[in-house]
Amino acid sequence: MEYRKKLFQKAVVIVSIIALIGVSQSALAQDRLSFEFRPGVSLATKDLGDADLKTGFGFEGTFAYRFMPHLSVYAGWGWNKFGSDQEINGTSLDFEETGYTYGLQFIHPIGDSKVDLLIRGGGLANHIEVEQGDDIIADSGHGFGWQLGAGLVIPLADKWNLMPSVRYRSLSRDIEIETATTSVDLNYISAGVGISRTF
């Protein structure tokens, strides 16, 4: 239940920021700022310690500011959850990765098409929580990782775009469950379709 409360609080913050941007958009350079909301599925490329992770799901909200014709800086917050085959006292363990993402994104037209190529690379400041039912039994604390991604930007309507993309993400942390500390690598491929709006 605690993670749902945290998730709700972060969603309220993101919505508040969007509202503030909408109010102050006249003060910003036209079409330089954008916001993307991206749900997706995640496939782990290796076990997390001794846990065989199932297909995960999650979402991310990202702001980007274009400071050159095709180059932007981005920052955002995301949440991903993976089930697993690992159990303690007959109850399966889930693994949640939450935290912040930042970096650079390059968007460039593909020939004469209206569709653009998207390339994104940057860092993560995330943590991994281990959950048994509704209880958090371990938290790795925040640490740094990295991500690379590529996709398309497809115009939908004035200021709105569809952004299908694939990403590879990597995060290494130490997790202590009961009295055992394990170094784990959370490496996964995320496929999703974002929707963005420029301001």
C-alpha atoms as a PDB file:
ATOM      1  CA  MET A   1       0.000   0.000   0.000  1.00  0.00           C
ATOM      2  CA  GLU A   2       2.879   2.359   0.775  1.00  0.00           C
ATOM      3  CA  TYR A   3       4.229   2.171  -2.788  1.00  0.00           C
ATOM      4  CA  ARG A   4       0.776   3.076  -4.152  1.00  0.00           C
ATOM      5  CA  LYS A   5       0.747   6.155  -1.921  1.00  0.00           C
ATOM      6  CA  LYS A   6       4.210   7.160  -3.168  1.00  0.00           C
ATOM      7  CA  LEU A   7       3.121   6.535  -6.760  1.00  0.00           C
ATOM      8  CA  PHE A   8       0.037   8.719  -6.296  1.00  0.00           C
ATOM      9  CA  GLN A   9       2.107  11.534  -4.737  1.00  0.00           C
ATOM     10  CA  LYS A  10       4.552  11.504  -7.638  1.00  0.00           C
ATOM     11  CA  ALA A  11       1.692  11.498 -10.156  1.00  0.00           C
ATOM     12  CA  VAL A  12       0.210  14.574  -8.420  1.00  0.00           C
ATOM     13  CA  VAL A  13       3.591  16.337  -8.668  1.00  0.00           C
ATOM     14  CA  ILE A  14       3.871  15.537 -12.400  1.00  0.00           C
ATOM     15  CA  VAL A  15       0.319  16.763 -13.102  1.00  0.00           C
ATOM     16  CA  SER A  16       1.012  19.950 -11.107  1.00  0.00           C
ATOM     17  CA  ILE A  17       4.154  20.614 -13.119  1.00  0.00           C
ATOM     18  CA  ILE A  18       2.242  20.135 -16.371  1.00  0.00           C
ATOM     19  CA  ALA A  19      -0.416  22.591 -15.174  1.00  0.00           C
ATOM     20  CA  LEU A  20       2.240  25.173 -14.267  1.00  0.00           C
ATOM     21  CA  ILE A  21       3.852  24.785 -17.652  1.00  0.00           C
ATOM     22  CA  GLY A  22       0.497  25.291 -19.341  1.00  0.00           C
ATOM     23  CA  VAL A  23      -0.020  28.536 -17.416  1.00  0.00           C
ATOM     24  CA  SER A  24       3.457  29.856 -18.145  1.00  0.00           C
ATOM     25  CA  GLN A  25       3.917  28.567 -21.698  1.00  0.00           C
ATOM     26  CA  SER A  26       3.617  32.070 -23.192  1.00  0.00           C
ATOM     27  CA  ALA A  27       6.876  32.920 -21.435  1.00  0.00           C
ATOM     28  CA  LEU A  28       8.696  30.020 -23.092  1.00  0.00           C
ATOM     29  CA  ALA A  29      10.138  29.882 -26.590  1.00  0.00           C
ATOM     30  CA  GLN A  30       7.577  28.282 -28.885  1.00  0.00           C
ATOM     31  CA  ASP A  31       7.759  24.506 -29.301  1.00  0.00           C
ATOM     32  CA  ARG A  32      11.001  24.119 -27.359  1.00  0.00           C
ATOM     33  CA  LEU A  33       9.492  22.328 -24.371  1.00  0.00           C
ATOM     34  CA  SER A  34       7.739  18.966 -24.583  1.00  0.00           C
ATOM     35  CA  PHE A  35       6.271  16.388 -22.236  1.00  0.00           C
ATOM     36  CA  GLU A  36       6.024  12.658 -23.000  1.00  0.00           C
ATOM     37  CA  PHE A  37       4.031  10.007 -21.154  1.00  0.00           C
ATOM     38  CA  ARG A  38       5.218   6.506 -22.059  1.00  0.00           C
ATOM     39  CA  PRO A  39       3.750   3.211 -20.812  1.00  0.00           C
ATOM     40  CA  GLY A  40       5.551   0.038 -21.813  1.00  0.00           C
ATOM     41  CA  VAL A  41       6.542  -3.551 -21.176  1.00  0.00           C
ATOM     42  CA  SER A  42       9.990  -4.680 -20.053  1.00  0.00           C
ATOM     43  CA  LEU A  43      11.905  -7.899 -20.716  1.00  0.00           C
ATOM     44  CA  ALA A  44      14.839  -8.689 -18.421  1.00  0.00           C
ATOM     45  CA  THR A  45      17.955  -9.841 -20.290  1.00  0.00           C
ATOM     46  CA  LYS A  46      19.331 -11.762 -17.270  1.00  0.00           C
ATOM     47  CA  ASP A  47      18.317 -12.967 -13.817  1.00  0.00           C
ATOM     48  CA  LEU A  48      18.287 -10.455 -10.978  1.00  0.00           C
ATOM     49  CA  GLY A  49      20.571 -12.250  -8.536  1.00  0.00           C
ATOM     50  CA  ASP A  50      18.825 -15.611  -8.024  1.00  0.00           C
ATOM     51  CA  ALA A  51      15.456 -14.328  -9.253  1.00  0.00           C
ATOM     52  CA  ASP A  52      14.154 -15.166 -12.712  1.00  0.00           C
ATOM     53  CA  LEU A  53      12.183 -12.033 -13.619  1.00  0.00           C
ATOM     54  CA  LYS A  54       8.875 -12.214 -15.455  1.00  0.00           C
ATOM     55  CA  THR A  55       7.782  -9.677 -18.071  1.00  0.00           C
ATOM     56  CA  GLY A  56       7.523  -6.283 -16.399  1.00  0.00           C
ATOM     57  CA  PHE A  57       5.406  -3.224 -17.014  1.00  0.00           C
ATOM     58  CA  GLY A  58       5.571   0.423 -16.081  1.00  0.00           C
ATOM     59  CA  PHE A  59       5.459   4.007 -17.239  1.00  0.00           C
ATOM     60  CA  GLU A  60       7.601   7.119 -17.466  1.00  0.00           C
ATOM     61  CA  GLY A  61       6.928  10.853 -17.665  1.00  0.00           C
ATOM     62  CA  THR A  62       9.644  12.975 -19.276  1.00  0.00           C
ATOM     63  CA  PHE A  63      10.155  16.663 -19.968  1.00  0.00           C
ATOM     64  CA  ALA A  64      12.503  17.709 -22.781  1.00  0.00           C
ATOM     65  CA  TYR A  65      13.909  21.130 -23.665  1.00  0.00           C
ATOM     66  CA  ARG A  66      15.224  21.644 -27.217  1.00  0.00           C
ATOM     67  CA  PHE A  67      18.302  23.881 -27.130  1.00  0.00           C
ATOM     68  CA  MET A  68      19.537  23.151 -30.678  1.00  0.00           C
ATOM     69  CA  PRO A  69      17.535  22.423 -33.866  1.00  0.00           C
ATOM     70  CA  HIS A  70      17.652  18.623 -33.361  1.00  0.00           C
ATOM     71  CA  LEU A  71      19.049  18.193 -29.845  1.00  0.00           C
ATOM     72  CA  SER A  72      17.232  18.322 -26.495  1.00  0.00           C
ATOM     73  CA  VAL A  73      18.031  17.702 -22.864  1.00  0.00           C
ATOM     74  CA  TYR A  74      15.487  15.553 -21.016  1.00  0.00           C
ATOM     75  CA  ALA A  75      14.627  14.610 -17.433  1.00  0.00           C
ATOM     76  CA  GLY A  76      11.820  12.599 -15.905  1.00  0.00           C
ATOM     77  CA  TRP A  77      10.584   9.975 -13.464  1.00  0.00           C
ATOM     78  CA  GLY A  78       9.560   6.380 -14.065  1.00  0.00           C
ATOM     79  CA  TRP A  79       8.238   3.206 -12.420  1.00  0.00           C
ATOM     80  CA  ASN A  80       8.688  -0.413 -13.504  1.00  0.00           C
ATOM     81  CA  LYS A  81       7.534  -3.605 -11.801  1.00  0.00           C
ATOM     82  CA  PHE A  82       8.725  -7.169 -12.379  1.00  0.00           C
ATOM     83  CA  GLY A  83       7.238 -10.326 -10.925  1.00  0.00           C
ATOM     84  CA  SER A  84       9.580 -13.236 -10.223  1.00  0.00           C
ATOM     85  CA  ASP A  85       9.747 -16.948  -9.494  1.00  0.00           C
ATOM     86  CA  GLN A  86      11.494 -16.317  -6.164  1.00  0.00           C
ATOM     87  CA  GLU A  87       9.512 -16.919  -2.959  1.00  0.00           C
ATOM     88  CA  ILE A  88       9.907 -16.392   0.784  1.00  0.00           C
ATOM     89  CA  ASN A  89       7.586 -18.452   3.007  1.00  0.00           C
ATOM     90  CA  GLY A  90       5.455 -19.346  -0.012  1.00  0.00           C
ATOM     91  CA  THR A  91       4.876 -15.749  -1.145  1.00  0.00           C
ATOM     92  CA  SER A  92       6.333 -14.568  -4.455  1.00  0.00           C
ATOM     93  CA  LEU A  93       8.669 -11.580  -4.543  1.00  0.00           C
ATOM     94  CA  ASP A  94       8.144  -8.601  -6.839  1.00  0.00           C
ATOM     95  CA  PHE A  95      10.848  -6.137  -7.819  1.00  0.00           C
ATOM     96  CA  GLU A  96      10.089  -2.463  -8.439  1.00  0.00           C
ATOM     97  CA  GLU A  97      12.522  -0.023 -10.041  1.00  0.00           C
ATOM     98  CA  THR A  98      11.667   3.628  -9.568  1.00  0.00           C
ATOM     99  CA  GLY A  99      13.566   6.860  -9.925  1.00  0.00           C
ATOM    100  CA  TYR A 100      14.819   9.502 -12.268  1.00  0.00           C
ATOM    101  CA  THR A 101      16.091   9.578 -15.833  1.00  0.00           C
ATOM    102  CA  TYR A 102      18.061  12.281 -17.642  1.00  0.00           C
ATOM    103  CA  GLY A 103      20.184  12.793 -20.732  1.00  0.00           C
ATOM    104  CA  LEU A 104      20.125  13.951 -24.345  1.00  0.00           C
ATOM    105  CA  GLN A 105      17.763  13.145 -27.176  1.00  0.00           C
ATOM    106  CA  PHE A 106      18.317  13.641 -30.907  1.00  0.00           C
ATOM    107  CA  ILE A 107      15.307  13.999 -33.232  1.00  0.00           C
ATOM    108  CA  HIS A 108      15.862  14.304 -36.989  1.00  0.00           C
ATOM    109  CA  PRO A 109      13.576  13.990 -40.045  1.00  0.00           C
ATOM    110  CA  ILE A 110      13.823  10.783 -42.084  1.00  0.00           C
ATOM    111  CA  GLY A 111      14.265  12.027 -45.651  1.00  0.00           C
ATOM    112  CA  ASP A 112      11.187  13.878 -46.903  1.00  0.00           C
ATOM    113  CA  SER A 113       8.911  11.998 -44.528  1.00  0.00           C
ATOM    114  CA  LYS A 114       6.964  13.686 -41.744  1.00  0.00           C
ATOM    115  CA  VAL A 115       8.224  10.925 -39.440  1.00  0.00           C
ATOM    116  CA  ASP A 116      11.359  11.678 -37.397  1.00  0.00           C
ATOM    117  CA  LEU A 117      14.072   9.415 -36.028  1.00  0.00           C
ATOM    118  CA  LEU A 118      14.526   9.507 -32.230  1.00  0.00           C
ATOM    119  CA  ILE A 119      17.774   8.562 -30.480  1.00  0.00           C
ATOM    120  CA  ARG A 120      18.089   8.944 -26.714  1.00  0.00           C
ATOM    121  CA  GLY A 121      20.920   8.266 -24.289  1.00  0.00           C
ATOM    122  CA  GLY A 122      21.568   9.155 -20.696  1.00  0.00           C
ATOM    123  CA  GLY A 123      21.630   8.167 -17.076  1.00  0.00           C
ATOM    124  CA  LEU A 124      19.390   6.783 -14.362  1.00  0.00           C
ATOM    125  CA  ALA A 125      19.214   7.615 -10.658  1.00  0.00           C
ATOM    126  CA  ASN A 126      17.017   4.730  -9.541  1.00  0.00           C
ATOM    127  CA  HIS A 127      16.483   2.260  -6.721  1.00  0.00           C
ATOM    128  CA  ILE A 128      15.104  -1.265  -6.520  1.00  0.00           C
ATOM    129  CA  GLU A 129      12.491  -2.257  -3.949  1.00  0.00           C
ATOM    130  CA  VAL A 130      11.755  -5.899  -3.129  1.00  0.00           C
ATOM    131  CA  GLU A 131       8.114  -6.519  -2.241  1.00  0.00           C
ATOM    132  CA  GLN A 132       6.456  -9.506  -0.599  1.00  0.00           C
ATOM    133  CA  GLY A 133       2.748  -8.973  -1.080  1.00  0.00           C
ATOM    134  CA  ASP A 134       2.079  -5.367  -0.011  1.00  0.00           C
ATOM    135  CA  ASP A 135       5.199  -5.172   2.196  1.00  0.00           C
ATOM    136  CA  ILE A 136       8.533  -3.692   1.119  1.00  0.00           C
ATOM    137  CA  ILE A 137      11.179  -6.022   2.558  1.00  0.00           C
ATOM    138  CA  ALA A 138      14.273  -4.447   0.980  1.00  0.00           C
ATOM    139  CA  ASP A 139      15.330  -1.210  -0.700  1.00  0.00           C
ATOM    140  CA  SER A 140      18.635  -0.836  -2.530  1.00  0.00           C
ATOM    141  CA  GLY A 141      18.770   2.949  -2.201  1.00  0.00           C
ATOM    142  CA  HIS A 142      19.293   5.163  -5.236  1.00  0.00           C
ATOM    143  CA  GLY A 143      22.245   4.610  -7.513  1.00  0.00           C
ATOM    144  CA  PHE A 144      23.328   5.491 -11.022  1.00  0.00           C
ATOM    145  CA  GLY A 145      22.750   3.494 -14.179  1.00  0.00           C
ATOM    146  CA  TRP A 146      22.417   4.201 -17.895  1.00  0.00           C
ATOM    147  CA  GLN A 147      20.074   3.796 -20.836  1.00  0.00           C
ATOM    148  CA  LEU A 148      20.101   3.919 -24.650  1.00  0.00           C
ATOM    149  CA  GLY A 149      17.053   4.066 -26.865  1.00  0.00           C
ATOM    150  CA  ALA A 150      15.775   4.565 -30.387  1.00  0.00           C
ATOM    151  CA  GLY A 151      12.386   5.084 -31.938  1.00  0.00           C
ATOM    152  CA  LEU A 152      10.189   7.230 -34.131  1.00  0.00           C
ATOM    153  CA  VAL A 153       8.294  10.501 -33.734  1.00  0.00           C
ATOM    154  CA  ILE A 154       5.011  10.347 -35.658  1.00  0.00           C
ATOM    155  CA  PRO A 155       2.880  13.517 -35.856  1.00  0.00           C
ATOM    156  CA  LEU A 156      -0.737  13.057 -34.778  1.00  0.00           C
ATOM    157  CA  ALA A 157      -2.156  16.564 -34.656  1.00  0.00           C
ATOM    158  CA  ASP A 158      -0.993  20.093 -33.928  1.00  0.00           C
ATOM    159  CA  LYS A 159       1.636  19.801 -31.151  1.00  0.00           C
ATOM    160  CA  TRP A 160       0.859  16.103 -30.494  1.00  0.00           C
ATOM    161  CA  ASN A 161       3.123  13.178 -31.458  1.00  0.00           C
ATOM    162  CA  LEU A 162       3.161   9.406 -31.106  1.00  0.00           C
ATOM    163  CA  MET A 163       6.586   8.073 -30.045  1.00  0.00           C
ATOM    164  CA  PRO A 164       7.102   4.284 -30.294  1.00  0.00           C
ATOM    165  CA  SER A 165      10.536   3.338 -28.975  1.00  0.00           C
ATOM    166  CA  VAL A 166      12.764   0.570 -27.659  1.00  0.00           C
ATOM    167  CA  ARG A 167      15.277   1.103 -24.818  1.00  0.00           C
ATOM    168  CA  TYR A 168      17.996  -0.824 -23.085  1.00  0.00           C
ATOM    169  CA  ARG A 169      18.477   0.043 -19.402  1.00  0.00           C
ATOM    170  CA  SER A 170      21.099  -1.067 -16.892  1.00  0.00           C
ATOM    171  CA  LEU A 171      21.267  -0.536 -13.125  1.00  0.00           C
ATOM    172  CA  SER A 172      23.599  -2.234 -10.617  1.00  0.00           C
ATOM    173  CA  ARG A 173      22.737  -2.164  -6.904  1.00  0.00           C
ATOM    174  CA  ASP A 174      23.203  -4.116  -3.651  1.00  0.00           C
ATOM    175  CA  ILE A 175      20.061  -5.620  -2.091  1.00  0.00           C
ATOM    176  CA  GLU A 176      19.893  -6.956   1.461  1.00  0.00           C
ATOM    177  CA  ILE A 177      17.126  -9.511   2.106  1.00  0.00           C
ATOM    178  CA  GLU A 178      17.014 -10.860   5.648  1.00  0.00           C
ATOM    179  CA  THR A 179      20.748 -11.195   6.457  1.00  0.00           C
ATOM    180  CA  ALA A 180      22.049 -11.786   2.922  1.00  0.00           C
ATOM    181  CA  THR A 181      23.413  -8.953   0.773  1.00  0.00           C
ATOM    182  CA  THR A 182      23.433  -9.601  -2.965  1.00  0.00           C
ATOM    183  CA  SER A 183      24.900  -7.476  -5.751  1.00  0.00           C
ATOM    184  CA  VAL A 184      22.385  -7.441  -8.599  1.00  0.00           C
ATOM    185  CA  ASP A 185      22.277  -6.122 -12.146  1.00  0.00           C
ATOM    186  CA  LEU A 186      18.875  -5.080 -13.471  1.00  0.00           C
ATOM    187  CA  ASN A 187      19.295  -5.153 -17.239  1.00  0.00           C
ATOM    188  CA  TYR A 188      16.244  -5.051 -19.474  1.00  0.00           C
ATOM    189  CA  ILE A 189      14.772  -4.049 -22.800  1.00  0.00           C
ATOM    190  CA  SER A 190      11.716  -1.804 -22.641  1.00  0.00           C
ATOM    191  CA  ALA A 191       9.284  -1.437 -25.541  1.00  0.00           C
ATOM    192  CA  GLY A 192       6.596   1.199 -25.363  1.00  0.00           C
ATOM    193  CA  VAL A 193       4.577   3.828 -27.157  1.00  0.00           C
ATOM    194  CA  GLY A 194       4.695   7.341 -25.763  1.00  0.00           C
ATOM    195  CA  ILE A 195       2.470  10.285 -26.500  1.00  0.00           C
ATOM    196  CA  SER A 196       4.009  13.742 -26.362  1.00  0.00           C
ATOM    197  CA  ARG A 197       2.941  17.344 -26.578  1.00  0.00           C
ATOM    198  CA  THR A 198       5.108  20.328 -27.374  1.00  0.00           C
ATOM    199  CA  PHE A 199       4.590  23.714 -25.777  1.00  0.00           C
END
